[in-house]
Amino acid sequence: MTEVLLNIGLPHAVDDGILIMAELVNNAVAVTPPGGIIRLFAGPRMEGIVMAVWDADDRIPKPGPPPAITAESLDLRPENFDRNGGWGLGIVATLARECWIERTRPGKWVCASLDA
């Protein structure tokens, strides 16, 4: 992702682009069985860059309300490292200019764009 953004002249978008792509990939991995296929796309468009991740799951991701922040919900012990989720799509929606889903048969592309 860094190389794509640098090659198209968007060095200021590297941090946001990496975070957006990581969140989209994380969601795709969560619904893809072991050995399943995930496809990634990142490329320039007239107004900036589009990032997209495809998975074969037909369910459409829906952002929920942000998780409640309490001492208990932020249990950062190593055994609970990845149990503090629920922020991904909210992060993407906040950083991206636009987010959308393109259905395929099977699956879908989950897409986001950043301004140039």
Protein backbone atom coordinates (compact mmCIF):
# COMPACT_ATOMS: atom_id res chain seq x y z
CA MET A 1 0.00 0.00 0.00
CA THR A 2 2.82 2.40 0.84
CA GLU A 3 4.47 1.84 -2.54
CA VAL A 4 1.19 2.34 -4.43
CA LEU A 5 0.50 5.62 -2.66
CA LEU A 6 4.05 6.89 -3.10
CA ASN A 7 4.12 5.90 -6.79
CA ILE A 8 0.97 7.90 -7.56
CA GLY A 9 2.21 10.93 -5.62
CA LEU A 10 0.13 10.68 -2.47
CA PRO A 11 2.72 10.45 0.32
CA HIS A 12 0.38 12.33 2.67
CA ALA A 13 -2.17 9.48 2.38
CA VAL A 14 0.15 6.62 3.38
CA ASP A 15 -0.87 6.35 7.04
CA ASP A 16 -4.61 6.55 6.37
CA GLY A 17 -4.33 4.24 3.36
CA ILE A 18 -2.49 1.57 5.31
CA LEU A 19 -5.00 1.71 8.16
CA ILE A 20 -7.99 1.57 5.82
CA MET A 21 -6.58 -1.38 3.88
CA ALA A 22 -5.66 -3.20 7.09
CA GLU A 23 -9.20 -2.83 8.44
CA LEU A 24 -10.76 -4.02 5.17
CA VAL A 25 -8.41 -7.02 5.01
CA ASN A 26 -9.06 -7.87 8.66
CA ASN A 27 -12.81 -7.96 8.03
CA ALA A 28 -12.35 -10.16 4.94
CA VAL A 29 -10.09 -12.58 6.83
CA ALA A 30 -12.69 -12.86 9.60
CA VAL A 31 -15.34 -14.19 7.16
CA THR A 32 -13.07 -16.29 4.93
CA PRO A 33 -12.49 -19.94 5.77
CA PRO A 34 -8.93 -21.28 5.92
CA GLY A 35 -7.61 -21.71 2.40
CA GLY A 36 -10.18 -19.25 1.03
CA ILE A 37 -9.34 -16.46 -1.38
CA ILE A 38 -9.18 -12.74 -0.64
CA ARG A 39 -8.39 -10.21 -3.36
CA LEU A 40 -6.92 -6.75 -2.87
CA PHE A 41 -7.06 -3.72 -5.12
CA ALA A 42 -5.48 -0.30 -4.74
CA GLY A 43 -5.27 2.13 -7.60
CA PRO A 44 -5.46 5.75 -8.63
CA ARG A 45 -8.63 7.42 -9.76
CA MET A 46 -9.15 10.97 -11.01
CA GLU A 47 -10.03 12.24 -7.52
CA GLY A 48 -7.59 10.14 -5.46
CA ILE A 49 -7.19 6.47 -4.73
CA VAL A 50 -9.56 3.54 -4.38
CA MET A 51 -8.80 0.64 -2.07
CA ALA A 52 -10.90 -2.50 -2.11
CA VAL A 53 -10.92 -6.00 -0.66
CA TRP A 54 -12.94 -8.91 -2.07
CA ASP A 55 -14.12 -11.97 -0.19
CA ALA A 56 -16.57 -14.71 -1.15
CA ASP A 57 -18.90 -14.17 1.81
CA ASP A 58 -22.27 -12.78 0.69
CA ARG A 59 -23.03 -11.06 4.00
CA ILE A 60 -22.70 -7.29 3.91
CA PRO A 61 -20.63 -5.84 6.77
CA LYS A 62 -22.52 -3.37 8.91
CA PRO A 63 -20.86 -0.94 11.26
CA GLY A 64 -22.26 -1.22 14.72
CA PRO A 65 -22.13 1.29 17.51
CA PRO A 66 -18.63 1.80 18.88
CA PRO A 67 -17.82 -0.55 21.75
CA ALA A 68 -18.21 0.88 25.22
CA ILE A 69 -14.92 1.92 26.71
CA THR A 70 -14.48 0.69 30.25
CA ALA A 71 -11.54 -0.71 32.15
CA GLU A 72 -13.00 -4.17 31.59
CA SER A 73 -13.57 -3.71 27.85
CA LEU A 74 -9.97 -2.60 27.37
CA ASP A 75 -8.47 -5.77 28.77
CA LEU A 76 -5.07 -5.64 27.09
CA ARG A 77 -3.58 -8.78 28.59
CA PRO A 78 -1.78 -10.82 25.90
CA GLU A 79 -4.44 -13.56 25.93
CA ASN A 80 -7.11 -10.93 25.13
CA PHE A 81 -5.04 -9.04 22.56
CA ASP A 82 -7.52 -9.39 19.69
CA ARG A 83 -10.77 -9.28 21.66
CA ASN A 84 -11.13 -5.51 21.72
CA GLY A 85 -12.61 -5.18 18.24
CA GLY A 86 -15.64 -3.52 16.74
CA TRP A 87 -13.92 -0.35 15.56
CA GLY A 88 -12.89 -1.30 12.00
CA LEU A 89 -15.69 -0.02 9.77
CA GLY A 90 -16.06 3.11 11.88
CA ILE A 91 -12.37 3.84 11.40
CA VAL A 92 -12.67 3.30 7.64
CA ALA A 93 -15.77 5.52 7.39
CA THR A 94 -14.04 8.27 9.36
CA LEU A 95 -10.84 8.28 7.30
CA ALA A 96 -12.26 7.66 3.83
CA ARG A 97 -13.94 10.17 1.54
CA GLU A 98 -16.41 7.47 0.55
CA CYS A 99 -17.14 3.83 1.37
CA TRP A 100 -19.29 1.43 -0.63
CA ILE A 101 -19.91 -2.22 -1.38
CA GLU A 102 -20.08 -3.83 -4.81
CA ARG A 103 -21.82 -7.20 -4.76
CA THR A 104 -20.45 -10.03 -6.86
CA ARG A 105 -21.61 -13.60 -7.28
CA PRO A 106 -20.37 -14.90 -4.92
CA GLY A 107 -19.16 -12.34 -2.41
CA LYS A 108 -18.50 -8.64 -2.54
CA TRP A 109 -15.89 -5.92 -2.87
CA VAL A 110 -15.73 -3.60 0.15
CA CYS A 111 -14.32 -0.31 -1.11
CA ALA A 112 -13.06 3.01 0.23
CA SER A 113 -11.54 6.07 -1.40
CA LEU A 114 -9.16 8.78 -0.28
CA ASP A 115 -8.82 12.23 -1.79
CA ALA A 116 -5.70 13.14 -3.73
